[in-house]
Amino acid sequence: IEYVAPAPSLAGTNANPPPTPPGVG
């Protein structure tokens, strides 16, 4: 059996995420 569940939908998520805090990256 070969089956990979579909990827989660991005609908409804925040298209503009908050900026990354300083020092994180």
PDBML (XML) file of the C-alpha atoms, coordinates in Angstrom:
<?xml version="1.0" encoding="UTF-8" ?>
<PDBx:datablock datablockName="MODEL"
   xmlns:PDBx="http://pdbml.pdb.org/schema/pdbx-v50.xsd"
   xmlns:xsi="http://www.w3.org/2001/XMLSchema-instance"
   xsi:schemaLocation="http://pdbml.pdb.org/schema/pdbx-v50.xsd pdbx-v50.xsd">
   <PDBx:atom_siteCategory>
      <PDBx:atom_site id="1">
         <PDBx:B_iso_or_equiv>0.00</PDBx:B_iso_or_equiv>
         <PDBx:Cartn_x>0.000</PDBx:Cartn_x>
         <PDBx:Cartn_y>0.000</PDBx:Cartn_y>
         <PDBx:Cartn_z>0.000</PDBx:Cartn_z>
         <PDBx:auth_asym_id>A</PDBx:auth_asym_id>
         <PDBx:auth_atom_id>CA</PDBx:auth_atom_id>
         <PDBx:auth_comp_id>ILE</PDBx:auth_comp_id>
         <PDBx:auth_seq_id>1</PDBx:auth_seq_id>
         <PDBx:group_PDB>ATOM</PDBx:group_PDB>
         <PDBx:label_alt_id xsi:nil="true" />
         <PDBx:label_asym_id>A</PDBx:label_asym_id>
         <PDBx:label_atom_id>CA</PDBx:label_atom_id>
         <PDBx:label_comp_id>ILE</PDBx:label_comp_id>
         <PDBx:label_entity_id>1</PDBx:label_entity_id>
         <PDBx:label_seq_id>1</PDBx:label_seq_id>
         <PDBx:occupancy>1.00</PDBx:occupancy>
         <PDBx:pdbx_PDB_model_num>1</PDBx:pdbx_PDB_model_num>
         <PDBx:type_symbol>C</PDBx:type_symbol>
      </PDBx:atom_site>
      <PDBx:atom_site id="2">
         <PDBx:B_iso_or_equiv>0.00</PDBx:B_iso_or_equiv>
         <PDBx:Cartn_x>1.428</PDBx:Cartn_x>
         <PDBx:Cartn_y>3.346</PDBx:Cartn_y>
         <PDBx:Cartn_z>-1.048</PDBx:Cartn_z>
         <PDBx:auth_asym_id>A</PDBx:auth_asym_id>
         <PDBx:auth_atom_id>CA</PDBx:auth_atom_id>
         <PDBx:auth_comp_id>GLU</PDBx:auth_comp_id>
         <PDBx:auth_seq_id>2</PDBx:auth_seq_id>
         <PDBx:group_PDB>ATOM</PDBx:group_PDB>
         <PDBx:label_alt_id xsi:nil="true" />
         <PDBx:label_asym_id>A</PDBx:label_asym_id>
         <PDBx:label_atom_id>CA</PDBx:label_atom_id>
         <PDBx:label_comp_id>GLU</PDBx:label_comp_id>
         <PDBx:label_entity_id>1</PDBx:label_entity_id>
         <PDBx:label_seq_id>2</PDBx:label_seq_id>
         <PDBx:occupancy>1.00</PDBx:occupancy>
         <PDBx:pdbx_PDB_model_num>1</PDBx:pdbx_PDB_model_num>
         <PDBx:type_symbol>C</PDBx:type_symbol>
      </PDBx:atom_site>
      <PDBx:atom_site id="3">
         <PDBx:B_iso_or_equiv>0.00</PDBx:B_iso_or_equiv>
         <PDBx:Cartn_x>-0.456</PDBx:Cartn_x>
         <PDBx:Cartn_y>6.346</PDBx:Cartn_y>
         <PDBx:Cartn_z>0.285</PDBx:Cartn_z>
         <PDBx:auth_asym_id>A</PDBx:auth_asym_id>
         <PDBx:auth_atom_id>CA</PDBx:auth_atom_id>
         <PDBx:auth_comp_id>TYR</PDBx:auth_comp_id>
         <PDBx:auth_seq_id>3</PDBx:auth_seq_id>
         <PDBx:group_PDB>ATOM</PDBx:group_PDB>
         <PDBx:label_alt_id xsi:nil="true" />
         <PDBx:label_asym_id>A</PDBx:label_asym_id>
         <PDBx:label_atom_id>CA</PDBx:label_atom_id>
         <PDBx:label_comp_id>TYR</PDBx:label_comp_id>
         <PDBx:label_entity_id>1</PDBx:label_entity_id>
         <PDBx:label_seq_id>3</PDBx:label_seq_id>
         <PDBx:occupancy>1.00</PDBx:occupancy>
         <PDBx:pdbx_PDB_model_num>1</PDBx:pdbx_PDB_model_num>
         <PDBx:type_symbol>C</PDBx:type_symbol>
      </PDBx:atom_site>
      <PDBx:atom_site id="4">
         <PDBx:B_iso_or_equiv>0.00</PDBx:B_iso_or_equiv>
         <PDBx:Cartn_x>0.636</PDBx:Cartn_x>
         <PDBx:Cartn_y>9.636</PDBx:Cartn_y>
         <PDBx:Cartn_z>1.772</PDBx:Cartn_z>
         <PDBx:auth_asym_id>A</PDBx:auth_asym_id>
         <PDBx:auth_atom_id>CA</PDBx:auth_atom_id>
         <PDBx:auth_comp_id>VAL</PDBx:auth_comp_id>
         <PDBx:auth_seq_id>4</PDBx:auth_seq_id>
         <PDBx:group_PDB>ATOM</PDBx:group_PDB>
         <PDBx:label_alt_id xsi:nil="true" />
         <PDBx:label_asym_id>A</PDBx:label_asym_id>
         <PDBx:label_atom_id>CA</PDBx:label_atom_id>
         <PDBx:label_comp_id>VAL</PDBx:label_comp_id>
         <PDBx:label_entity_id>1</PDBx:label_entity_id>
         <PDBx:label_seq_id>4</PDBx:label_seq_id>
         <PDBx:occupancy>1.00</PDBx:occupancy>
         <PDBx:pdbx_PDB_model_num>1</PDBx:pdbx_PDB_model_num>
         <PDBx:type_symbol>C</PDBx:type_symbol>
      </PDBx:atom_site>
      <PDBx:atom_site id="5">
         <PDBx:B_iso_or_equiv>0.00</PDBx:B_iso_or_equiv>
         <PDBx:Cartn_x>-2.035</PDBx:Cartn_x>
         <PDBx:Cartn_y>11.754</PDBx:Cartn_y>
         <PDBx:Cartn_z>3.433</PDBx:Cartn_z>
         <PDBx:auth_asym_id>A</PDBx:auth_asym_id>
         <PDBx:auth_atom_id>CA</PDBx:auth_atom_id>
         <PDBx:auth_comp_id>ALA</PDBx:auth_comp_id>
         <PDBx:auth_seq_id>5</PDBx:auth_seq_id>
         <PDBx:group_PDB>ATOM</PDBx:group_PDB>
         <PDBx:label_alt_id xsi:nil="true" />
         <PDBx:label_asym_id>A</PDBx:label_asym_id>
         <PDBx:label_atom_id>CA</PDBx:label_atom_id>
         <PDBx:label_comp_id>ALA</PDBx:label_comp_id>
         <PDBx:label_entity_id>1</PDBx:label_entity_id>
         <PDBx:label_seq_id>5</PDBx:label_seq_id>
         <PDBx:occupancy>1.00</PDBx:occupancy>
         <PDBx:pdbx_PDB_model_num>1</PDBx:pdbx_PDB_model_num>
         <PDBx:type_symbol>C</PDBx:type_symbol>
      </PDBx:atom_site>
      <PDBx:atom_site id="6">
         <PDBx:B_iso_or_equiv>0.00</PDBx:B_iso_or_equiv>
         <PDBx:Cartn_x>-2.591</PDBx:Cartn_x>
         <PDBx:Cartn_y>15.105</PDBx:Cartn_y>
         <PDBx:Cartn_z>1.699</PDBx:Cartn_z>
         <PDBx:auth_asym_id>A</PDBx:auth_asym_id>
         <PDBx:auth_atom_id>CA</PDBx:auth_atom_id>
         <PDBx:auth_comp_id>PRO</PDBx:auth_comp_id>
         <PDBx:auth_seq_id>6</PDBx:auth_seq_id>
         <PDBx:group_PDB>ATOM</PDBx:group_PDB>
         <PDBx:label_alt_id xsi:nil="true" />
         <PDBx:label_asym_id>A</PDBx:label_asym_id>
         <PDBx:label_atom_id>CA</PDBx:label_atom_id>
         <PDBx:label_comp_id>PRO</PDBx:label_comp_id>
         <PDBx:label_entity_id>1</PDBx:label_entity_id>
         <PDBx:label_seq_id>6</PDBx:label_seq_id>
         <PDBx:occupancy>1.00</PDBx:occupancy>
         <PDBx:pdbx_PDB_model_num>1</PDBx:pdbx_PDB_model_num>
         <PDBx:type_symbol>C</PDBx:type_symbol>
      </PDBx:atom_site>
      <PDBx:atom_site id="7">
         <PDBx:B_iso_or_equiv>0.00</PDBx:B_iso_or_equiv>
         <PDBx:Cartn_x>-0.714</PDBx:Cartn_x>
         <PDBx:Cartn_y>18.064</PDBx:Cartn_y>
         <PDBx:Cartn_z>3.141</PDBx:Cartn_z>
         <PDBx:auth_asym_id>A</PDBx:auth_asym_id>
         <PDBx:auth_atom_id>CA</PDBx:auth_atom_id>
         <PDBx:auth_comp_id>ALA</PDBx:auth_comp_id>
         <PDBx:auth_seq_id>7</PDBx:auth_seq_id>
         <PDBx:group_PDB>ATOM</PDBx:group_PDB>
         <PDBx:label_alt_id xsi:nil="true" />
         <PDBx:label_asym_id>A</PDBx:label_asym_id>
         <PDBx:label_atom_id>CA</PDBx:label_atom_id>
         <PDBx:label_comp_id>ALA</PDBx:label_comp_id>
         <PDBx:label_entity_id>1</PDBx:label_entity_id>
         <PDBx:label_seq_id>7</PDBx:label_seq_id>
         <PDBx:occupancy>1.00</PDBx:occupancy>
         <PDBx:pdbx_PDB_model_num>1</PDBx:pdbx_PDB_model_num>
         <PDBx:type_symbol>C</PDBx:type_symbol>
      </PDBx:atom_site>
      <PDBx:atom_site id="8">
         <PDBx:B_iso_or_equiv>0.00</PDBx:B_iso_or_equiv>
         <PDBx:Cartn_x>-2.643</PDBx:Cartn_x>
         <PDBx:Cartn_y>20.282</PDBx:Cartn_y>
         <PDBx:Cartn_z>5.569</PDBx:Cartn_z>
         <PDBx:auth_asym_id>A</PDBx:auth_asym_id>
         <PDBx:auth_atom_id>CA</PDBx:auth_atom_id>
         <PDBx:auth_comp_id>PRO</PDBx:auth_comp_id>
         <PDBx:auth_seq_id>8</PDBx:auth_seq_id>
         <PDBx:group_PDB>ATOM</PDBx:group_PDB>
         <PDBx:label_alt_id xsi:nil="true" />
         <PDBx:label_asym_id>A</PDBx:label_asym_id>
         <PDBx:label_atom_id>CA</PDBx:label_atom_id>
         <PDBx:label_comp_id>PRO</PDBx:label_comp_id>
         <PDBx:label_entity_id>1</PDBx:label_entity_id>
         <PDBx:label_seq_id>8</PDBx:label_seq_id>
         <PDBx:occupancy>1.00</PDBx:occupancy>
         <PDBx:pdbx_PDB_model_num>1</PDBx:pdbx_PDB_model_num>
         <PDBx:type_symbol>C</PDBx:type_symbol>
      </PDBx:atom_site>
      <PDBx:atom_site id="9">
         <PDBx:B_iso_or_equiv>0.00</PDBx:B_iso_or_equiv>
         <PDBx:Cartn_x>-4.528</PDBx:Cartn_x>
         <PDBx:Cartn_y>23.165</PDBx:Cartn_y>
         <PDBx:Cartn_z>4.006</PDBx:Cartn_z>
         <PDBx:auth_asym_id>A</PDBx:auth_asym_id>
         <PDBx:auth_atom_id>CA</PDBx:auth_atom_id>
         <PDBx:auth_comp_id>SER</PDBx:auth_comp_id>
         <PDBx:auth_seq_id>9</PDBx:auth_seq_id>
         <PDBx:group_PDB>ATOM</PDBx:group_PDB>
         <PDBx:label_alt_id xsi:nil="true" />
         <PDBx:label_asym_id>A</PDBx:label_asym_id>
         <PDBx:label_atom_id>CA</PDBx:label_atom_id>
         <PDBx:label_comp_id>SER</PDBx:label_comp_id>
         <PDBx:label_entity_id>1</PDBx:label_entity_id>
         <PDBx:label_seq_id>9</PDBx:label_seq_id>
         <PDBx:occupancy>1.00</PDBx:occupancy>
         <PDBx:pdbx_PDB_model_num>1</PDBx:pdbx_PDB_model_num>
         <PDBx:type_symbol>C</PDBx:type_symbol>
      </PDBx:atom_site>
      <PDBx:atom_site id="10">
         <PDBx:B_iso_or_equiv>0.00</PDBx:B_iso_or_equiv>
         <PDBx:Cartn_x>-3.095</PDBx:Cartn_x>
         <PDBx:Cartn_y>26.652</PDBx:Cartn_y>
         <PDBx:Cartn_z>4.566</PDBx:Cartn_z>
         <PDBx:auth_asym_id>A</PDBx:auth_asym_id>
         <PDBx:auth_atom_id>CA</PDBx:auth_atom_id>
         <PDBx:auth_comp_id>LEU</PDBx:auth_comp_id>
         <PDBx:auth_seq_id>10</PDBx:auth_seq_id>
         <PDBx:group_PDB>ATOM</PDBx:group_PDB>
         <PDBx:label_alt_id xsi:nil="true" />
         <PDBx:label_asym_id>A</PDBx:label_asym_id>
         <PDBx:label_atom_id>CA</PDBx:label_atom_id>
         <PDBx:label_comp_id>LEU</PDBx:label_comp_id>
         <PDBx:label_entity_id>1</PDBx:label_entity_id>
         <PDBx:label_seq_id>10</PDBx:label_seq_id>
         <PDBx:occupancy>1.00</PDBx:occupancy>
         <PDBx:pdbx_PDB_model_num>1</PDBx:pdbx_PDB_model_num>
         <PDBx:type_symbol>C</PDBx:type_symbol>
      </PDBx:atom_site>
      <PDBx:atom_site id="11">
         <PDBx:B_iso_or_equiv>0.00</PDBx:B_iso_or_equiv>
         <PDBx:Cartn_x>-6.492</PDBx:Cartn_x>
         <PDBx:Cartn_y>28.290</PDBx:Cartn_y>
         <PDBx:Cartn_z>4.123</PDBx:Cartn_z>
         <PDBx:auth_asym_id>A</PDBx:auth_asym_id>
         <PDBx:auth_atom_id>CA</PDBx:auth_atom_id>
         <PDBx:auth_comp_id>ALA</PDBx:auth_comp_id>
         <PDBx:auth_seq_id>11</PDBx:auth_seq_id>
         <PDBx:group_PDB>ATOM</PDBx:group_PDB>
         <PDBx:label_alt_id xsi:nil="true" />
         <PDBx:label_asym_id>A</PDBx:label_asym_id>
         <PDBx:label_atom_id>CA</PDBx:label_atom_id>
         <PDBx:label_comp_id>ALA</PDBx:label_comp_id>
         <PDBx:label_entity_id>1</PDBx:label_entity_id>
         <PDBx:label_seq_id>11</PDBx:label_seq_id>
         <PDBx:occupancy>1.00</PDBx:occupancy>
         <PDBx:pdbx_PDB_model_num>1</PDBx:pdbx_PDB_model_num>
         <PDBx:type_symbol>C</PDBx:type_symbol>
      </PDBx:atom_site>
      <PDBx:atom_site id="12">
         <PDBx:B_iso_or_equiv>0.00</PDBx:B_iso_or_equiv>
         <PDBx:Cartn_x>-7.415</PDBx:Cartn_x>
         <PDBx:Cartn_y>30.491</PDBx:Cartn_y>
         <PDBx:Cartn_z>7.018</PDBx:Cartn_z>
         <PDBx:auth_asym_id>A</PDBx:auth_asym_id>
         <PDBx:auth_atom_id>CA</PDBx:auth_atom_id>
         <PDBx:auth_comp_id>GLY</PDBx:auth_comp_id>
         <PDBx:auth_seq_id>12</PDBx:auth_seq_id>
         <PDBx:group_PDB>ATOM</PDBx:group_PDB>
         <PDBx:label_alt_id xsi:nil="true" />
         <PDBx:label_asym_id>A</PDBx:label_asym_id>
         <PDBx:label_atom_id>CA</PDBx:label_atom_id>
         <PDBx:label_comp_id>GLY</PDBx:label_comp_id>
         <PDBx:label_entity_id>1</PDBx:label_entity_id>
         <PDBx:label_seq_id>12</PDBx:label_seq_id>
         <PDBx:occupancy>1.00</PDBx:occupancy>
         <PDBx:pdbx_PDB_model_num>1</PDBx:pdbx_PDB_model_num>
         <PDBx:type_symbol>C</PDBx:type_symbol>
      </PDBx:atom_site>
      <PDBx:atom_site id="13">
         <PDBx:B_iso_or_equiv>0.00</PDBx:B_iso_or_equiv>
         <PDBx:Cartn_x>-3.875</PDBx:Cartn_x>
         <PDBx:Cartn_y>30.860</PDBx:Cartn_y>
         <PDBx:Cartn_z>8.337</PDBx:Cartn_z>
         <PDBx:auth_asym_id>A</PDBx:auth_asym_id>
         <PDBx:auth_atom_id>CA</PDBx:auth_atom_id>
         <PDBx:auth_comp_id>THR</PDBx:auth_comp_id>
         <PDBx:auth_seq_id>13</PDBx:auth_seq_id>
         <PDBx:group_PDB>ATOM</PDBx:group_PDB>
         <PDBx:label_alt_id xsi:nil="true" />
         <PDBx:label_asym_id>A</PDBx:label_asym_id>
         <PDBx:label_atom_id>CA</PDBx:label_atom_id>
         <PDBx:label_comp_id>THR</PDBx:label_comp_id>
         <PDBx:label_entity_id>1</PDBx:label_entity_id>
         <PDBx:label_seq_id>13</PDBx:label_seq_id>
         <PDBx:occupancy>1.00</PDBx:occupancy>
         <PDBx:pdbx_PDB_model_num>1</PDBx:pdbx_PDB_model_num>
         <PDBx:type_symbol>C</PDBx:type_symbol>
      </PDBx:atom_site>
      <PDBx:atom_site id="14">
         <PDBx:B_iso_or_equiv>0.00</PDBx:B_iso_or_equiv>
         <PDBx:Cartn_x>-2.227</PDBx:Cartn_x>
         <PDBx:Cartn_y>34.203</PDBx:Cartn_y>
         <PDBx:Cartn_z>8.913</PDBx:Cartn_z>
         <PDBx:auth_asym_id>A</PDBx:auth_asym_id>
         <PDBx:auth_atom_id>CA</PDBx:auth_atom_id>
         <PDBx:auth_comp_id>ASN</PDBx:auth_comp_id>
         <PDBx:auth_seq_id>14</PDBx:auth_seq_id>
         <PDBx:group_PDB>ATOM</PDBx:group_PDB>
         <PDBx:label_alt_id xsi:nil="true" />
         <PDBx:label_asym_id>A</PDBx:label_asym_id>
         <PDBx:label_atom_id>CA</PDBx:label_atom_id>
         <PDBx:label_comp_id>ASN</PDBx:label_comp_id>
         <PDBx:label_entity_id>1</PDBx:label_entity_id>
         <PDBx:label_seq_id>14</PDBx:label_seq_id>
         <PDBx:occupancy>1.00</PDBx:occupancy>
         <PDBx:pdbx_PDB_model_num>1</PDBx:pdbx_PDB_model_num>
         <PDBx:type_symbol>C</PDBx:type_symbol>
      </PDBx:atom_site>
      <PDBx:atom_site id="15">
         <PDBx:B_iso_or_equiv>0.00</PDBx:B_iso_or_equiv>
         <PDBx:Cartn_x>-0.669</PDBx:Cartn_x>
         <PDBx:Cartn_y>35.255</PDBx:Cartn_y>
         <PDBx:Cartn_z>5.604</PDBx:Cartn_z>
         <PDBx:auth_asym_id>A</PDBx:auth_asym_id>
         <PDBx:auth_atom_id>CA</PDBx:auth_atom_id>
         <PDBx:auth_comp_id>ALA</PDBx:auth_comp_id>
         <PDBx:auth_seq_id>15</PDBx:auth_seq_id>
         <PDBx:group_PDB>ATOM</PDBx:group_PDB>
         <PDBx:label_alt_id xsi:nil="true" />
         <PDBx:label_asym_id>A</PDBx:label_asym_id>
         <PDBx:label_atom_id>CA</PDBx:label_atom_id>
         <PDBx:label_comp_id>ALA</PDBx:label_comp_id>
         <PDBx:label_entity_id>1</PDBx:label_entity_id>
         <PDBx:label_seq_id>15</PDBx:label_seq_id>
         <PDBx:occupancy>1.00</PDBx:occupancy>
         <PDBx:pdbx_PDB_model_num>1</PDBx:pdbx_PDB_model_num>
         <PDBx:type_symbol>C</PDBx:type_symbol>
      </PDBx:atom_site>
      <PDBx:atom_site id="16">
         <PDBx:B_iso_or_equiv>0.00</PDBx:B_iso_or_equiv>
         <PDBx:Cartn_x>1.436</PDBx:Cartn_x>
         <PDBx:Cartn_y>37.881</PDBx:Cartn_y>
         <PDBx:Cartn_z>7.375</PDBx:Cartn_z>
         <PDBx:auth_asym_id>A</PDBx:auth_asym_id>
         <PDBx:auth_atom_id>CA</PDBx:auth_atom_id>
         <PDBx:auth_comp_id>ASN</PDBx:auth_comp_id>
         <PDBx:auth_seq_id>16</PDBx:auth_seq_id>
         <PDBx:group_PDB>ATOM</PDBx:group_PDB>
         <PDBx:label_alt_id xsi:nil="true" />
         <PDBx:label_asym_id>A</PDBx:label_asym_id>
         <PDBx:label_atom_id>CA</PDBx:label_atom_id>
         <PDBx:label_comp_id>ASN</PDBx:label_comp_id>
         <PDBx:label_entity_id>1</PDBx:label_entity_id>
         <PDBx:label_seq_id>16</PDBx:label_seq_id>
         <PDBx:occupancy>1.00</PDBx:occupancy>
         <PDBx:pdbx_PDB_model_num>1</PDBx:pdbx_PDB_model_num>
         <PDBx:type_symbol>C</PDBx:type_symbol>
      </PDBx:atom_site>
      <PDBx:atom_site id="17">
         <PDBx:B_iso_or_equiv>0.00</PDBx:B_iso_or_equiv>
         <PDBx:Cartn_x>3.115</PDBx:Cartn_x>
         <PDBx:Cartn_y>36.205</PDBx:Cartn_y>
         <PDBx:Cartn_z>10.349</PDBx:Cartn_z>
         <PDBx:auth_asym_id>A</PDBx:auth_asym_id>
         <PDBx:auth_atom_id>CA</PDBx:auth_atom_id>
         <PDBx:auth_comp_id>PRO</PDBx:auth_comp_id>
         <PDBx:auth_seq_id>17</PDBx:auth_seq_id>
         <PDBx:group_PDB>ATOM</PDBx:group_PDB>
         <PDBx:label_alt_id xsi:nil="true" />
         <PDBx:label_asym_id>A</PDBx:label_asym_id>
         <PDBx:label_atom_id>CA</PDBx:label_atom_id>
         <PDBx:label_comp_id>PRO</PDBx:label_comp_id>
         <PDBx:label_entity_id>1</PDBx:label_entity_id>
         <PDBx:label_seq_id>17</PDBx:label_seq_id>
         <PDBx:occupancy>1.00</PDBx:occupancy>
         <PDBx:pdbx_PDB_model_num>1</PDBx:pdbx_PDB_model_num>
         <PDBx:type_symbol>C</PDBx:type_symbol>
      </PDBx:atom_site>
      <PDBx:atom_site id="18">
         <PDBx:B_iso_or_equiv>0.00</PDBx:B_iso_or_equiv>
         <PDBx:Cartn_x>4.662</PDBx:Cartn_x>
         <PDBx:Cartn_y>38.442</PDBx:Cartn_y>
         <PDBx:Cartn_z>13.023</PDBx:Cartn_z>
         <PDBx:auth_asym_id>A</PDBx:auth_asym_id>
         <PDBx:auth_atom_id>CA</PDBx:auth_atom_id>
         <PDBx:auth_comp_id>PRO</PDBx:auth_comp_id>
         <PDBx:auth_seq_id>18</PDBx:auth_seq_id>
         <PDBx:group_PDB>ATOM</PDBx:group_PDB>
         <PDBx:label_alt_id xsi:nil="true" />
         <PDBx:label_asym_id>A</PDBx:label_asym_id>
         <PDBx:label_atom_id>CA</PDBx:label_atom_id>
         <PDBx:label_comp_id>PRO</PDBx:label_comp_id>
         <PDBx:label_entity_id>1</PDBx:label_entity_id>
         <PDBx:label_seq_id>18</PDBx:label_seq_id>
         <PDBx:occupancy>1.00</PDBx:occupancy>
         <PDBx:pdbx_PDB_model_num>1</PDBx:pdbx_PDB_model_num>
         <PDBx:type_symbol>C</PDBx:type_symbol>
      </PDBx:atom_site>
      <PDBx:atom_site id="19">
         <PDBx:B_iso_or_equiv>0.00</PDBx:B_iso_or_equiv>
         <PDBx:Cartn_x>8.324</PDBx:Cartn_x>
         <PDBx:Cartn_y>39.348</PDBx:Cartn_y>
         <PDBx:Cartn_z>12.571</PDBx:Cartn_z>
         <PDBx:auth_asym_id>A</PDBx:auth_asym_id>
         <PDBx:auth_atom_id>CA</PDBx:auth_atom_id>
         <PDBx:auth_comp_id>PRO</PDBx:auth_comp_id>
         <PDBx:auth_seq_id>19</PDBx:auth_seq_id>
         <PDBx:group_PDB>ATOM</PDBx:group_PDB>
         <PDBx:label_alt_id xsi:nil="true" />
         <PDBx:label_asym_id>A</PDBx:label_asym_id>
         <PDBx:label_atom_id>CA</PDBx:label_atom_id>
         <PDBx:label_comp_id>PRO</PDBx:label_comp_id>
         <PDBx:label_entity_id>1</PDBx:label_entity_id>
         <PDBx:label_seq_id>19</PDBx:label_seq_id>
         <PDBx:occupancy>1.00</PDBx:occupancy>
         <PDBx:pdbx_PDB_model_num>1</PDBx:pdbx_PDB_model_num>
         <PDBx:type_symbol>C</PDBx:type_symbol>
      </PDBx:atom_site>
      <PDBx:atom_site id="20">
         <PDBx:B_iso_or_equiv>0.00</PDBx:B_iso_or_equiv>
         <PDBx:Cartn_x>10.911</PDBx:Cartn_x>
         <PDBx:Cartn_y>37.035</PDBx:Cartn_y>
         <PDBx:Cartn_z>14.082</PDBx:Cartn_z>
         <PDBx:auth_asym_id>A</PDBx:auth_asym_id>
         <PDBx:auth_atom_id>CA</PDBx:auth_atom_id>
         <PDBx:auth_comp_id>THR</PDBx:auth_comp_id>
         <PDBx:auth_seq_id>20</PDBx:auth_seq_id>
         <PDBx:group_PDB>ATOM</PDBx:group_PDB>
         <PDBx:label_alt_id xsi:nil="true" />
         <PDBx:label_asym_id>A</PDBx:label_asym_id>
         <PDBx:label_atom_id>CA</PDBx:label_atom_id>
         <PDBx:label_comp_id>THR</PDBx:label_comp_id>
         <PDBx:label_entity_id>1</PDBx:label_entity_id>
         <PDBx:label_seq_id>20</PDBx:label_seq_id>
         <PDBx:occupancy>1.00</PDBx:occupancy>
         <PDBx:pdbx_PDB_model_num>1</PDBx:pdbx_PDB_model_num>
         <PDBx:type_symbol>C</PDBx:type_symbol>
      </PDBx:atom_site>
      <PDBx:atom_site id="21">
         <PDBx:B_iso_or_equiv>0.00</PDBx:B_iso_or_equiv>
         <PDBx:Cartn_x>12.152</PDBx:Cartn_x>
         <PDBx:Cartn_y>38.284</PDBx:Cartn_y>
         <PDBx:Cartn_z>17.466</PDBx:Cartn_z>
         <PDBx:auth_asym_id>A</PDBx:auth_asym_id>
         <PDBx:auth_atom_id>CA</PDBx:auth_atom_id>
         <PDBx:auth_comp_id>PRO</PDBx:auth_comp_id>
         <PDBx:auth_seq_id>21</PDBx:auth_seq_id>
         <PDBx:group_PDB>ATOM</PDBx:group_PDB>
         <PDBx:label_alt_id xsi:nil="true" />
         <PDBx:label_asym_id>A</PDBx:label_asym_id>
         <PDBx:label_atom_id>CA</PDBx:label_atom_id>
         <PDBx:label_comp_id>PRO</PDBx:label_comp_id>
         <PDBx:label_entity_id>1</PDBx:label_entity_id>
         <PDBx:label_seq_id>21</PDBx:label_seq_id>
         <PDBx:occupancy>1.00</PDBx:occupancy>
         <PDBx:pdbx_PDB_model_num>1</PDBx:pdbx_PDB_model_num>
         <PDBx:type_symbol>C</PDBx:type_symbol>
      </PDBx:atom_site>
      <PDBx:atom_site id="22">
         <PDBx:B_iso_or_equiv>0.00</PDBx:B_iso_or_equiv>
         <PDBx:Cartn_x>15.729</PDBx:Cartn_x>
         <PDBx:Cartn_y>39.558</PDBx:Cartn_y>
         <PDBx:Cartn_z>17.574</PDBx:Cartn_z>
         <PDBx:auth_asym_id>A</PDBx:auth_asym_id>
         <PDBx:auth_atom_id>CA</PDBx:auth_atom_id>
         <PDBx:auth_comp_id>PRO</PDBx:auth_comp_id>
         <PDBx:auth_seq_id>22</PDBx:auth_seq_id>
         <PDBx:group_PDB>ATOM</PDBx:group_PDB>
         <PDBx:label_alt_id xsi:nil="true" />
         <PDBx:label_asym_id>A</PDBx:label_asym_id>
         <PDBx:label_atom_id>CA</PDBx:label_atom_id>
         <PDBx:label_comp_id>PRO</PDBx:label_comp_id>
         <PDBx:label_entity_id>1</PDBx:label_entity_id>
         <PDBx:label_seq_id>22</PDBx:label_seq_id>
         <PDBx:occupancy>1.00</PDBx:occupancy>
         <PDBx:pdbx_PDB_model_num>1</PDBx:pdbx_PDB_model_num>
         <PDBx:type_symbol>C</PDBx:type_symbol>
      </PDBx:atom_site>
      <PDBx:atom_site id="23">
         <PDBx:B_iso_or_equiv>0.00</PDBx:B_iso_or_equiv>
         <PDBx:Cartn_x>18.324</PDBx:Cartn_x>
         <PDBx:Cartn_y>36.838</PDBx:Cartn_y>
         <PDBx:Cartn_z>18.025</PDBx:Cartn_z>
         <PDBx:auth_asym_id>A</PDBx:auth_asym_id>
         <PDBx:auth_atom_id>CA</PDBx:auth_atom_id>
         <PDBx:auth_comp_id>GLY</PDBx:auth_comp_id>
         <PDBx:auth_seq_id>23</PDBx:auth_seq_id>
         <PDBx:group_PDB>ATOM</PDBx:group_PDB>
         <PDBx:label_alt_id xsi:nil="true" />
         <PDBx:label_asym_id>A</PDBx:label_asym_id>
         <PDBx:label_atom_id>CA</PDBx:label_atom_id>
         <PDBx:label_comp_id>GLY</PDBx:label_comp_id>
         <PDBx:label_entity_id>1</PDBx:label_entity_id>
         <PDBx:label_seq_id>23</PDBx:label_seq_id>
         <PDBx:occupancy>1.00</PDBx:occupancy>
         <PDBx:pdbx_PDB_model_num>1</PDBx:pdbx_PDB_model_num>
         <PDBx:type_symbol>C</PDBx:type_symbol>
      </PDBx:atom_site>
      <PDBx:atom_site id="24">
         <PDBx:B_iso_or_equiv>0.00</PDBx:B_iso_or_equiv>
         <PDBx:Cartn_x>16.154</PDBx:Cartn_x>
         <PDBx:Cartn_y>34.038</PDBx:Cartn_y>
         <PDBx:Cartn_z>16.633</PDBx:Cartn_z>
         <PDBx:auth_asym_id>A</PDBx:auth_asym_id>
         <PDBx:auth_atom_id>CA</PDBx:auth_atom_id>
         <PDBx:auth_comp_id>VAL</PDBx:auth_comp_id>
         <PDBx:auth_seq_id>24</PDBx:auth_seq_id>
         <PDBx:group_PDB>ATOM</PDBx:group_PDB>
         <PDBx:label_alt_id xsi:nil="true" />
         <PDBx:label_asym_id>A</PDBx:label_asym_id>
         <PDBx:label_atom_id>CA</PDBx:label_atom_id>
         <PDBx:label_comp_id>VAL</PDBx:label_comp_id>
         <PDBx:label_entity_id>1</PDBx:label_entity_id>
         <PDBx:label_seq_id>24</PDBx:label_seq_id>
         <PDBx:occupancy>1.00</PDBx:occupancy>
         <PDBx:pdbx_PDB_model_num>1</PDBx:pdbx_PDB_model_num>
         <PDBx:type_symbol>C</PDBx:type_symbol>
      </PDBx:atom_site>
      <PDBx:atom_site id="25">
         <PDBx:B_iso_or_equiv>0.00</PDBx:B_iso_or_equiv>
         <PDBx:Cartn_x>17.128</PDBx:Cartn_x>
         <PDBx:Cartn_y>32.540</PDBx:Cartn_y>
         <PDBx:Cartn_z>13.303</PDBx:Cartn_z>
         <PDBx:auth_asym_id>A</PDBx:auth_asym_id>
         <PDBx:auth_atom_id>CA</PDBx:auth_atom_id>
         <PDBx:auth_comp_id>GLY</PDBx:auth_comp_id>
         <PDBx:auth_seq_id>25</PDBx:auth_seq_id>
         <PDBx:group_PDB>ATOM</PDBx:group_PDB>
         <PDBx:label_alt_id xsi:nil="true" />
         <PDBx:label_asym_id>A</PDBx:label_asym_id>
         <PDBx:label_atom_id>CA</PDBx:label_atom_id>
         <PDBx:label_comp_id>GLY</PDBx:label_comp_id>
         <PDBx:label_entity_id>1</PDBx:label_entity_id>
         <PDBx:label_seq_id>25</PDBx:label_seq_id>
         <PDBx:occupancy>1.00</PDBx:occupancy>
         <PDBx:pdbx_PDB_model_num>1</PDBx:pdbx_PDB_model_num>
         <PDBx:type_symbol>C</PDBx:type_symbol>
      </PDBx:atom_site>
   </PDBx:atom_siteCategory>
</PDBx:datablock>
